Amino acid sequence: MNYIDNLVFAIILIIGIGFFVKNSKKIIRNIKLGKNIDRSDLPKERFNNMLKIAFGQSKMVKRPIAGILHIIVYAGFIIINIEVVEIIIDGLFGTHRILSFLGGFYSFLIGSFEILALLVLVSVIIFWIRRMVLRIPRFWNKEMVGWPKNDALNILYFEMVLMSLFLIMNATDVHFQEMGFGNPISRFLAPIFDGLPFNNLHIIERLAWWFHIVGIFVFLNYLYYSKHLHILLAFPNTYYANLKPKGQFTNLEAVTKEVKLMMDPNANPYAATPEGEETTPEKFGASDVADLSWVQLMNAYTCTECGRCTSVCPANITGKKLSPRAIMMKTRDRLEEVGANIDKNGKYIEDEKQLLNDYITPEELWACTSCNACVEACPVDIDPLSIITDLRRYLVMEQSAAPQGLNMMMTNIENNGAPWQYNQMDRLNWKEE
């Protein structure tokens, strides 16, 4: 490389990393739009949960074929990109395979990378076949059209191209092939280029090198627009996941304050704080993304759109409108819309839209049985039920918009002390039978 090549590489590196940092700040800002929630407890348990689920892929392998293929792609892609360190050094200083001084260890590394690259390539092709040829139903739900469908395919094509470029780069590197070690896969590709002049081989090797590294930078920044943001967010998402027993609902602080106020009007929970700030009653439940917690918003960004949640949802299986995956996708879409509003105006300007009704309908929410099957199935500990619950709380407690059957039940409980429409004195008549 000459100095111009080094300069061009440095510019590409700065732009690639700079754009990634800029978009990462947007994501962090959008997540922080959510309400505060304390998930600092049980650090040991949280760390173990992250190691087991995000790093160890323990929930992925519950579906063995997809799980094993995913582990290959996950491990291979991460490990192969260790080579990016060498590429960056070579690109900045004009060296070539600067880490080759490691000798046998270098040979072991590159050889391992080549084997993994082939395994990743095969796995990605199988993923493509499962999606486009076998057409597994969960990949073809009604929400998986347009961008969501294309996004999944774009990632597969990205990985195919990057792995192929890596192997071609090695196969056309004459000096590397002449060493005869570290090339267990590329040695079988090298004969394809037999007969080409050395200069032509060098050009192919350089082009593969440039496209490979630029492709990695493009892929890095594509993550912001893609469901594959989970590559980064799966770790904090599993660390801050809800560790309480599934089915244990949280008490709303706003409801607790109202109950305290009814029981003792003199002990006003909305009185001024010690700092002198007046507090006002909170909204019950959630109608928009700012009413959700930051963990729920991080869940939305972490969603892999794999559809495991929807495939086990009893409401969805019986033909109802609810899809837990769609709940997370719609939450992320609304959050992105709010973020774009802030980017445009410097602060959030009311747009007469909200998550409830404009994105997620009451019909979807009331179809949920609260069974937690979606939470159990998610490979990265996302909790769609918590969002469904908060939106339903708003419908019931702020708008009195519960379904007729539920309103009757609550009226019966208030009047009769039971969900059924009969006198309290008759509640134990069943035992006489």
Protein backbone atom coordinates (compact mmCIF):
# COMPACT_ATOMS: atom_id res chain seq x y z
CA MET A 1 0.00 0.00 0.00
CA ASN A 2 1.08 3.56 -0.58
CA TYR A 3 0.28 6.53 1.60
CA ILE A 4 -2.88 7.35 -0.37
CA ASP A 5 -4.26 3.88 0.39
CA ASN A 6 -3.47 4.36 4.07
CA LEU A 7 -5.19 7.75 4.08
CA VAL A 8 -8.29 6.39 2.31
CA PHE A 9 -8.45 3.51 4.76
CA ALA A 10 -8.14 5.88 7.75
CA ILE A 11 -10.98 8.03 6.39
CA ILE A 12 -13.21 4.99 5.88
CA LEU A 13 -12.38 3.76 9.39
CA ILE A 14 -13.19 7.13 10.98
CA ILE A 15 -16.46 7.50 9.04
CA GLY A 16 -17.52 3.92 9.80
CA ILE A 17 -16.86 4.13 13.53
CA GLY A 18 -18.12 7.71 13.78
CA PHE A 19 -21.44 6.90 12.14
CA PHE A 20 -21.83 3.85 14.37
CA VAL A 21 -21.18 5.89 17.53
CA LYS A 22 -23.66 8.56 16.39
CA ASN A 23 -26.41 6.01 15.82
CA SER A 24 -25.59 4.23 19.08
CA LYS A 25 -26.15 7.49 20.94
CA LYS A 26 -29.57 7.81 19.28
CA ILE A 27 -30.55 4.34 20.44
CA ILE A 28 -29.40 5.05 24.01
CA ARG A 29 -31.30 8.35 24.00
CA ASN A 30 -34.47 6.68 22.73
CA ILE A 31 -34.25 3.92 25.33
CA LYS A 32 -33.84 6.55 28.06
CA LEU A 33 -37.16 8.10 27.01
CA GLY A 34 -38.75 5.29 29.02
CA LYS A 35 -39.61 5.51 32.69
CA ASN A 36 -36.97 4.61 35.21
CA ILE A 37 -37.06 1.14 36.70
CA ASP A 38 -34.57 -0.34 39.14
CA ARG A 39 -32.89 -3.47 37.84
CA SER A 40 -29.70 -3.16 39.88
CA ASP A 41 -30.62 -5.96 42.27
CA LEU A 42 -29.20 -9.51 42.19
CA PRO A 43 -26.05 -8.70 40.16
CA LYS A 44 -24.68 -12.24 40.41
CA GLU A 45 -27.92 -13.82 39.18
CA ARG A 46 -28.19 -11.25 36.40
CA PHE A 47 -24.64 -11.89 35.23
CA ASN A 48 -25.26 -15.64 35.22
CA ASN A 49 -28.47 -15.13 33.27
CA MET A 50 -26.56 -13.11 30.66
CA LEU A 51 -23.82 -15.73 30.39
CA LYS A 52 -26.31 -18.57 30.05
CA ILE A 53 -28.76 -17.00 27.60
CA ALA A 54 -26.91 -14.32 25.61
CA PHE A 55 -23.44 -15.87 25.55
CA GLY A 56 -24.32 -19.54 25.99
CA GLN A 57 -27.38 -19.46 23.68
CA SER A 58 -29.21 -21.81 26.07
CA LYS A 59 -32.70 -20.89 24.87
CA MET A 60 -31.76 -21.04 21.19
CA VAL A 61 -30.98 -24.76 21.29
CA LYS A 62 -34.46 -25.63 22.51
CA ARG A 63 -35.09 -25.83 18.76
CA PRO A 64 -31.99 -27.89 17.90
CA ILE A 65 -31.62 -27.31 14.15
CA ALA A 66 -32.03 -23.54 14.24
CA GLY A 67 -30.15 -23.36 17.55
CA ILE A 68 -27.03 -25.21 16.38
CA LEU A 69 -26.91 -23.29 13.10
CA HIS A 70 -27.29 -20.02 14.99
CA ILE A 71 -24.45 -20.92 17.36
CA ILE A 72 -22.20 -21.66 14.37
CA VAL A 73 -23.02 -18.31 12.75
CA TYR A 74 -22.79 -16.45 16.06
CA ALA A 75 -19.47 -17.98 17.13
CA GLY A 76 -17.97 -18.03 13.65
CA PHE A 77 -18.83 -14.47 12.78
CA ILE A 78 -17.57 -13.10 16.11
CA ILE A 79 -14.32 -15.12 16.09
CA ILE A 80 -13.54 -14.48 12.43
CA ASN A 81 -13.86 -10.76 13.02
CA ILE A 82 -10.88 -10.97 15.38
CA GLU A 83 -8.98 -10.78 12.11
CA VAL A 84 -10.34 -7.24 11.71
CA VAL A 85 -7.65 -6.17 14.19
CA GLU A 86 -4.94 -7.30 11.76
CA ILE A 87 -6.76 -5.75 8.80
CA ILE A 88 -7.02 -2.38 10.57
CA ILE A 89 -3.30 -2.41 11.44
CA ASP A 90 -2.40 -3.38 7.86
CA GLY A 91 -4.73 -0.74 6.47
CA LEU A 92 -3.38 2.08 8.61
CA PHE A 93 0.33 1.29 8.30
CA GLY A 94 0.55 -0.35 4.88
CA THR A 95 1.76 -3.71 6.23
CA HIS A 96 0.59 -7.12 5.02
CA ARG A 97 -0.47 -9.83 7.47
CA ILE A 98 1.48 -8.14 10.23
CA LEU A 99 0.52 -10.81 12.78
CA SER A 100 2.18 -13.57 10.74
CA PHE A 101 5.24 -13.21 13.00
CA LEU A 102 3.25 -15.31 15.46
CA GLY A 103 4.19 -18.30 13.31
CA GLY A 104 2.39 -21.50 14.18
CA PHE A 105 -0.18 -19.73 16.33
CA TYR A 106 -1.03 -17.42 13.43
CA SER A 107 -1.40 -20.45 11.19
CA PHE A 108 -3.77 -22.01 13.74
CA LEU A 109 -5.82 -18.82 13.97
CA ILE A 110 -6.25 -18.28 10.23
CA GLY A 111 -6.90 -21.98 9.68
CA SER A 112 -9.61 -21.92 12.35
CA PHE A 113 -11.06 -18.78 10.78
CA GLU A 114 -11.26 -20.49 7.39
CA ILE A 115 -13.05 -23.54 8.78
CA LEU A 116 -15.48 -21.33 10.66
CA ALA A 117 -16.04 -19.19 7.56
CA LEU A 118 -17.06 -22.28 5.61
CA LEU A 119 -19.37 -23.43 8.42
CA VAL A 120 -20.96 -19.98 8.62
CA LEU A 121 -21.44 -19.94 4.85
CA VAL A 122 -23.14 -23.35 4.89
CA SER A 123 -25.30 -22.41 7.89
CA VAL A 124 -26.44 -19.16 6.28
CA ILE A 125 -27.37 -21.00 3.09
CA ILE A 126 -29.45 -23.45 5.16
CA PHE A 127 -31.13 -20.49 6.89
CA TRP A 128 -31.96 -19.07 3.46
CA ILE A 129 -33.42 -22.41 2.34
CA ARG A 130 -35.53 -22.65 5.52
CA ARG A 131 -36.88 -19.17 4.93
CA MET A 132 -37.32 -19.06 1.14
CA VAL A 133 -37.69 -22.70 0.02
CA LEU A 134 -39.20 -24.54 2.98
CA ARG A 135 -41.06 -21.35 3.94
CA ILE A 136 -41.34 -22.13 7.65
CA PRO A 137 -44.64 -20.51 8.72
CA ARG A 138 -43.29 -18.27 11.49
CA PHE A 139 -41.17 -16.43 8.92
CA TRP A 140 -44.26 -15.60 6.86
CA ASN A 141 -46.70 -14.09 9.34
CA LYS A 142 -48.57 -11.03 8.15
CA GLU A 143 -46.17 -8.66 9.91
CA MET A 144 -43.20 -10.18 8.05
CA VAL A 145 -43.67 -8.32 4.78
CA GLY A 146 -41.78 -5.45 3.19
CA TRP A 147 -38.80 -4.29 5.22
CA PRO A 148 -38.89 -7.01 7.95
CA LYS A 149 -38.72 -9.76 5.31
CA ASN A 150 -36.07 -7.96 3.25
CA ASP A 151 -34.02 -7.13 6.34
CA ALA A 152 -33.71 -10.82 7.27
CA LEU A 153 -32.60 -11.66 3.73
CA ASN A 154 -30.17 -8.73 3.57
CA ILE A 155 -28.34 -10.05 6.61
CA LEU A 156 -28.06 -13.52 5.09
CA TYR A 157 -26.66 -12.07 1.86
CA PHE A 158 -24.26 -9.87 3.83
CA GLU A 159 -22.88 -12.88 5.67
CA MET A 160 -22.58 -14.95 2.49
CA VAL A 161 -20.61 -12.21 0.75
CA LEU A 162 -18.34 -11.42 3.72
CA MET A 163 -17.41 -15.07 4.29
CA SER A 164 -16.81 -15.62 0.56
CA LEU A 165 -14.60 -12.53 0.34
CA PHE A 166 -12.54 -13.73 3.29
CA LEU A 167 -11.88 -17.09 1.63
CA ILE A 168 -11.16 -15.52 -1.80
CA MET A 169 -8.77 -13.06 -0.17
CA ASN A 170 -6.81 -15.95 1.30
CA ALA A 171 -7.01 -18.10 -1.84
CA THR A 172 -5.49 -15.36 -4.05
CA ASP A 173 -2.77 -14.36 -1.60
CA VAL A 174 0.15 -16.10 -3.34
CA HIS A 175 2.64 -15.74 -0.50
CA PHE A 176 0.09 -16.99 2.02
CA GLN A 177 -0.68 -20.06 -0.11
CA GLU A 178 3.01 -20.76 -0.67
CA MET A 179 3.51 -20.98 3.10
CA GLY A 180 1.23 -24.03 2.97
CA PHE A 181 -0.25 -23.69 6.42
CA GLY A 182 -3.29 -21.86 7.84
CA ASN A 183 -5.20 -22.49 4.60
CA PRO A 184 -7.25 -25.68 5.07
CA ILE A 185 -10.16 -24.31 3.00
CA SER A 186 -8.62 -21.66 0.73
CA ARG A 187 -6.09 -24.17 -0.65
CA PHE A 188 -9.00 -25.87 -2.44
CA LEU A 189 -10.16 -22.56 -3.88
CA ALA A 190 -6.70 -21.47 -5.06
CA PRO A 191 -6.71 -23.78 -8.14
CA ILE A 192 -9.69 -21.84 -9.48
CA PHE A 193 -7.33 -18.94 -10.07
CA ASP A 194 -4.49 -21.02 -11.58
CA GLY A 195 -3.07 -19.57 -14.76
CA LEU A 196 -3.73 -15.94 -13.83
CA PRO A 197 -0.70 -13.64 -13.82
CA PHE A 198 0.66 -12.67 -10.43
CA ASN A 199 -0.48 -9.05 -10.91
CA ASN A 200 -4.04 -10.17 -11.59
CA LEU A 201 -4.03 -12.37 -8.49
CA HIS A 202 -2.74 -9.44 -6.47
CA ILE A 203 -5.55 -7.22 -7.78
CA ILE A 204 -8.18 -9.84 -6.90
CA GLU A 205 -6.67 -10.29 -3.43
CA ARG A 206 -6.63 -6.51 -2.85
CA LEU A 207 -10.20 -6.08 -4.08
CA ALA A 208 -11.38 -8.92 -1.83
CA TRP A 209 -9.47 -7.34 1.06
CA TRP A 210 -11.05 -3.90 0.51
CA PHE A 211 -14.57 -5.19 -0.04
CA HIS A 212 -14.27 -7.42 3.02
CA ILE A 213 -13.27 -4.65 5.42
CA VAL A 214 -15.60 -2.03 3.93
CA GLY A 215 -18.38 -4.64 4.05
CA ILE A 216 -17.72 -5.12 7.77
CA PHE A 217 -18.02 -1.35 8.37
CA VAL A 218 -21.23 -1.23 6.32
CA PHE A 219 -22.61 -4.22 8.23
CA LEU A 220 -21.73 -2.54 11.55
CA ASN A 221 -23.73 0.54 10.64
CA TYR A 222 -26.54 -1.44 9.04
CA LEU A 223 -27.27 -2.91 12.48
CA TYR A 224 -28.90 0.37 13.54
CA TYR A 225 -31.61 -0.10 10.92
CA SER A 226 -31.90 -3.85 11.36
CA LYS A 227 -33.42 -6.41 13.69
CA HIS A 228 -29.85 -7.71 14.04
CA LEU A 229 -29.20 -5.00 16.59
CA HIS A 230 -29.71 -7.91 18.99
CA ILE A 231 -26.10 -8.90 18.26
CA LEU A 232 -25.15 -6.04 20.60
CA LEU A 233 -28.24 -5.59 22.79
CA ALA A 234 -28.83 -9.23 23.72
CA PHE A 235 -26.21 -8.92 26.46
CA PRO A 236 -27.65 -5.93 28.37
CA ASN A 237 -31.18 -7.15 27.62
CA THR A 238 -30.61 -10.50 29.33
CA TYR A 239 -28.71 -8.86 32.18
CA TYR A 240 -31.59 -6.48 32.96
CA ALA A 241 -34.33 -9.05 32.29
CA ASN A 242 -37.09 -9.62 34.81
CA LEU A 243 -35.90 -12.38 37.15
CA LYS A 244 -39.13 -12.62 39.12
CA PRO A 245 -41.39 -15.66 38.63
CA LYS A 246 -43.31 -15.53 35.36
CA GLY A 247 -46.89 -14.50 36.00
CA GLN A 248 -46.02 -12.28 38.96
CA PHE A 249 -47.44 -8.88 38.10
CA THR A 250 -46.01 -5.64 39.36
CA ASN A 251 -47.95 -3.25 41.53
CA LEU A 252 -48.36 0.17 39.97
CA GLU A 253 -46.88 2.84 42.21
CA ALA A 254 -49.59 5.22 41.01
CA VAL A 255 -52.29 2.82 42.23
CA THR A 256 -50.53 2.35 45.57
CA LYS A 257 -50.49 6.14 46.05
CA GLU A 258 -54.20 6.39 45.26
CA VAL A 259 -55.04 3.63 47.75
CA LYS A 260 -52.97 5.35 50.44
CA LEU A 261 -54.76 8.61 49.72
CA MET A 262 -58.19 6.95 50.08
CA MET A 263 -57.19 5.26 53.33
CA ASP A 264 -55.65 8.37 54.87
CA PRO A 265 -56.37 11.68 53.09
CA ASN A 266 -54.02 13.48 55.46
CA ALA A 267 -51.03 11.42 54.32
CA ASN A 268 -51.02 12.84 50.79
CA PRO A 269 -48.54 10.81 48.69
CA TYR A 270 -48.59 13.60 46.12
CA ALA A 271 -47.29 16.23 48.54
CA ALA A 272 -44.12 18.12 47.78
CA THR A 273 -40.93 16.08 47.91
CA PRO A 274 -38.10 16.94 50.32
CA GLU A 275 -36.46 18.78 47.44
CA GLY A 276 -39.53 20.99 47.18
CA GLU A 277 -40.81 19.61 43.88
CA GLU A 278 -44.55 19.14 43.55
CA THR A 279 -45.58 15.68 42.37
CA THR A 280 -48.73 14.93 40.39
CA PRO A 281 -50.69 11.70 39.98
CA GLU A 282 -49.16 9.43 37.37
CA LYS A 283 -50.92 8.00 34.35
CA PHE A 284 -52.25 4.53 35.08
CA GLY A 285 -50.71 2.10 32.62
CA ALA A 286 -49.26 3.18 29.28
CA SER A 287 -50.61 4.68 26.07
CA ASP A 288 -47.33 5.63 24.39
CA VAL A 289 -43.69 4.62 24.46
CA ALA A 290 -42.71 7.28 27.01
CA ASP A 291 -45.08 5.59 29.49
CA LEU A 292 -43.18 2.31 29.22
CA SER A 293 -39.98 1.57 31.16
CA TRP A 294 -36.54 1.83 29.59
CA VAL A 295 -36.21 -1.96 29.89
CA GLN A 296 -39.34 -2.43 27.78
CA LEU A 297 -37.98 -0.03 25.16
CA MET A 298 -34.67 -1.90 25.13
CA ASN A 299 -36.71 -5.09 24.64
CA ALA A 300 -38.21 -3.53 21.51
CA TYR A 301 -34.80 -2.72 20.05
CA THR A 302 -33.48 -6.19 20.97
CA CYS A 303 -36.28 -8.14 19.26
CA THR A 304 -34.81 -10.53 16.69
CA GLU A 305 -38.16 -10.97 14.88
CA CYS A 306 -37.52 -14.73 14.95
CA GLY A 307 -41.20 -15.40 15.59
CA ARG A 308 -40.72 -18.01 18.31
CA CYS A 309 -43.04 -16.01 20.58
CA THR A 310 -45.80 -15.82 17.99
CA SER A 311 -45.45 -19.49 17.04
CA VAL A 312 -46.31 -20.57 20.62
CA CYS A 313 -48.96 -17.90 21.32
CA PRO A 314 -52.31 -19.68 21.85
CA ALA A 315 -54.23 -16.59 20.75
CA ASN A 316 -52.32 -16.40 17.48
CA ILE A 317 -52.56 -20.15 16.90
CA THR A 318 -56.36 -19.96 17.17
CA GLY A 319 -56.52 -17.21 14.55
CA LYS A 320 -56.79 -14.11 16.72
CA LYS A 321 -55.10 -10.88 15.71
CA LEU A 322 -52.47 -10.92 18.46
CA SER A 323 -48.82 -11.54 17.53
CA PRO A 324 -46.29 -10.92 20.35
CA ARG A 325 -43.61 -10.33 17.70
CA ALA A 326 -45.78 -7.64 16.10
CA ILE A 327 -46.23 -6.00 19.53
CA MET A 328 -42.45 -5.59 19.83
CA MET A 329 -42.03 -4.47 16.20
CA LYS A 330 -44.77 -1.86 16.53
CA THR A 331 -43.29 -0.58 19.80
CA ARG A 332 -39.91 -0.16 18.10
CA ASP A 333 -41.51 1.56 15.09
CA ARG A 334 -43.28 4.04 17.33
CA LEU A 335 -40.11 4.63 19.34
CA GLU A 336 -38.18 5.30 16.13
CA GLU A 337 -40.91 7.75 15.05
CA VAL A 338 -40.62 9.59 18.37
CA GLY A 339 -36.82 9.65 18.00
CA ALA A 340 -37.10 11.10 14.49
CA ASN A 341 -39.46 13.75 15.88
CA ILE A 342 -36.81 14.74 18.45
CA ASP A 343 -34.07 14.77 15.80
CA LYS A 344 -36.14 17.10 13.63
CA ASN A 345 -37.41 19.50 16.29
CA GLY A 346 -34.71 19.33 18.99
CA LYS A 347 -37.38 18.07 21.39
CA TYR A 348 -40.51 15.98 21.17
CA ILE A 349 -43.42 17.86 19.58
CA GLU A 350 -46.87 16.32 19.96
CA ASP A 351 -47.79 14.51 16.74
CA GLU A 352 -51.28 13.41 17.77
CA LYS A 353 -50.20 9.79 17.64
CA GLN A 354 -49.56 7.19 20.30
CA LEU A 355 -48.60 3.55 20.57
CA LEU A 356 -52.10 2.53 21.66
CA ASN A 357 -54.65 2.58 18.84
CA ASP A 358 -52.33 4.10 16.21
CA TYR A 359 -49.96 1.12 16.32
CA ILE A 360 -51.40 -1.51 18.65
CA THR A 361 -55.15 -2.09 18.73
CA PRO A 362 -57.27 -3.05 21.75
CA GLU A 363 -58.33 -6.16 19.82
CA GLU A 364 -54.73 -7.39 19.89
CA LEU A 365 -54.34 -6.60 23.59
CA TRP A 366 -57.51 -8.33 24.76
CA ALA A 367 -56.69 -11.45 22.75
CA CYS A 368 -53.77 -12.12 25.10
CA THR A 369 -54.35 -14.83 27.72
CA SER A 370 -51.38 -13.71 29.87
CA CYS A 371 -49.99 -17.24 29.69
CA ASN A 372 -46.34 -16.11 29.37
CA ALA A 373 -45.64 -18.57 26.54
CA CYS A 374 -44.08 -15.74 24.49
CA VAL A 375 -41.79 -14.75 27.37
CA GLU A 376 -40.67 -18.33 27.91
CA ALA A 377 -39.99 -18.86 24.20
CA CYS A 378 -37.94 -15.72 23.55
CA PRO A 379 -34.24 -16.59 23.06
CA VAL A 380 -33.10 -13.23 24.48
CA ASP A 381 -35.55 -12.78 27.42
CA ILE A 382 -37.85 -10.21 25.81
CA ASP A 383 -41.15 -9.66 27.64
CA PRO A 384 -44.01 -8.72 25.26
CA LEU A 385 -46.56 -9.48 27.99
CA SER A 386 -45.35 -6.57 30.14
CA ILE A 387 -46.14 -4.11 27.33
CA ILE A 388 -49.53 -5.74 26.68
CA THR A 389 -50.33 -5.54 30.41
CA ASP A 390 -49.40 -1.85 30.71
CA LEU A 391 -51.47 -0.92 27.64
CA ARG A 392 -54.45 -2.87 29.00
CA ARG A 393 -54.08 -1.17 32.37
CA TYR A 394 -54.42 2.17 30.61
CA LEU A 395 -57.55 1.03 28.78
CA VAL A 396 -59.17 -0.17 32.00
CA MET A 397 -58.04 2.44 34.51
CA GLU A 398 -57.86 5.57 32.39
CA GLN A 399 -60.51 4.97 29.73
CA SER A 400 -62.81 2.40 31.35
CA ALA A 401 -62.57 0.60 28.02
CA ALA A 402 -62.48 -3.02 29.13
CA PRO A 403 -64.49 -5.60 27.14
CA GLN A 404 -68.08 -6.12 28.28
CA GLY A 405 -67.35 -9.53 29.78
CA LEU A 406 -64.53 -8.13 31.90
CA ASN A 407 -66.62 -5.16 33.03
CA MET A 408 -69.37 -7.53 34.14
CA MET A 409 -66.85 -9.62 36.06
CA MET A 410 -65.41 -6.57 37.85
CA THR A 411 -68.92 -5.32 38.67
CA ASN A 412 -69.83 -8.71 40.11
CA ILE A 413 -66.66 -8.77 42.23
CA GLU A 414 -67.49 -5.28 43.53
CA ASN A 415 -71.11 -6.13 44.32
CA ASN A 416 -71.02 -9.84 45.11
CA GLY A 417 -67.43 -10.53 46.11
CA ALA A 418 -67.17 -13.08 43.28
CA PRO A 419 -66.91 -13.00 39.47
CA TRP A 420 -70.35 -14.60 39.14
CA GLN A 421 -73.73 -12.93 39.32
CA TYR A 422 -75.18 -14.45 42.48
CA ASN A 423 -75.45 -13.56 46.13
CA GLN A 424 -72.40 -13.88 48.38
CA MET A 425 -74.37 -16.22 50.62
CA ASP A 426 -74.59 -18.73 47.77
CA ARG A 427 -70.87 -18.87 47.03
CA LEU A 428 -70.33 -22.22 48.76
CA ASN A 429 -73.39 -24.00 47.40
CA TRP A 430 -71.20 -26.00 45.07
CA LYS A 431 -69.94 -28.12 47.96
CA GLU A 432 -73.45 -29.41 48.65
CA GLU A 433 -73.29 -31.27 45.34
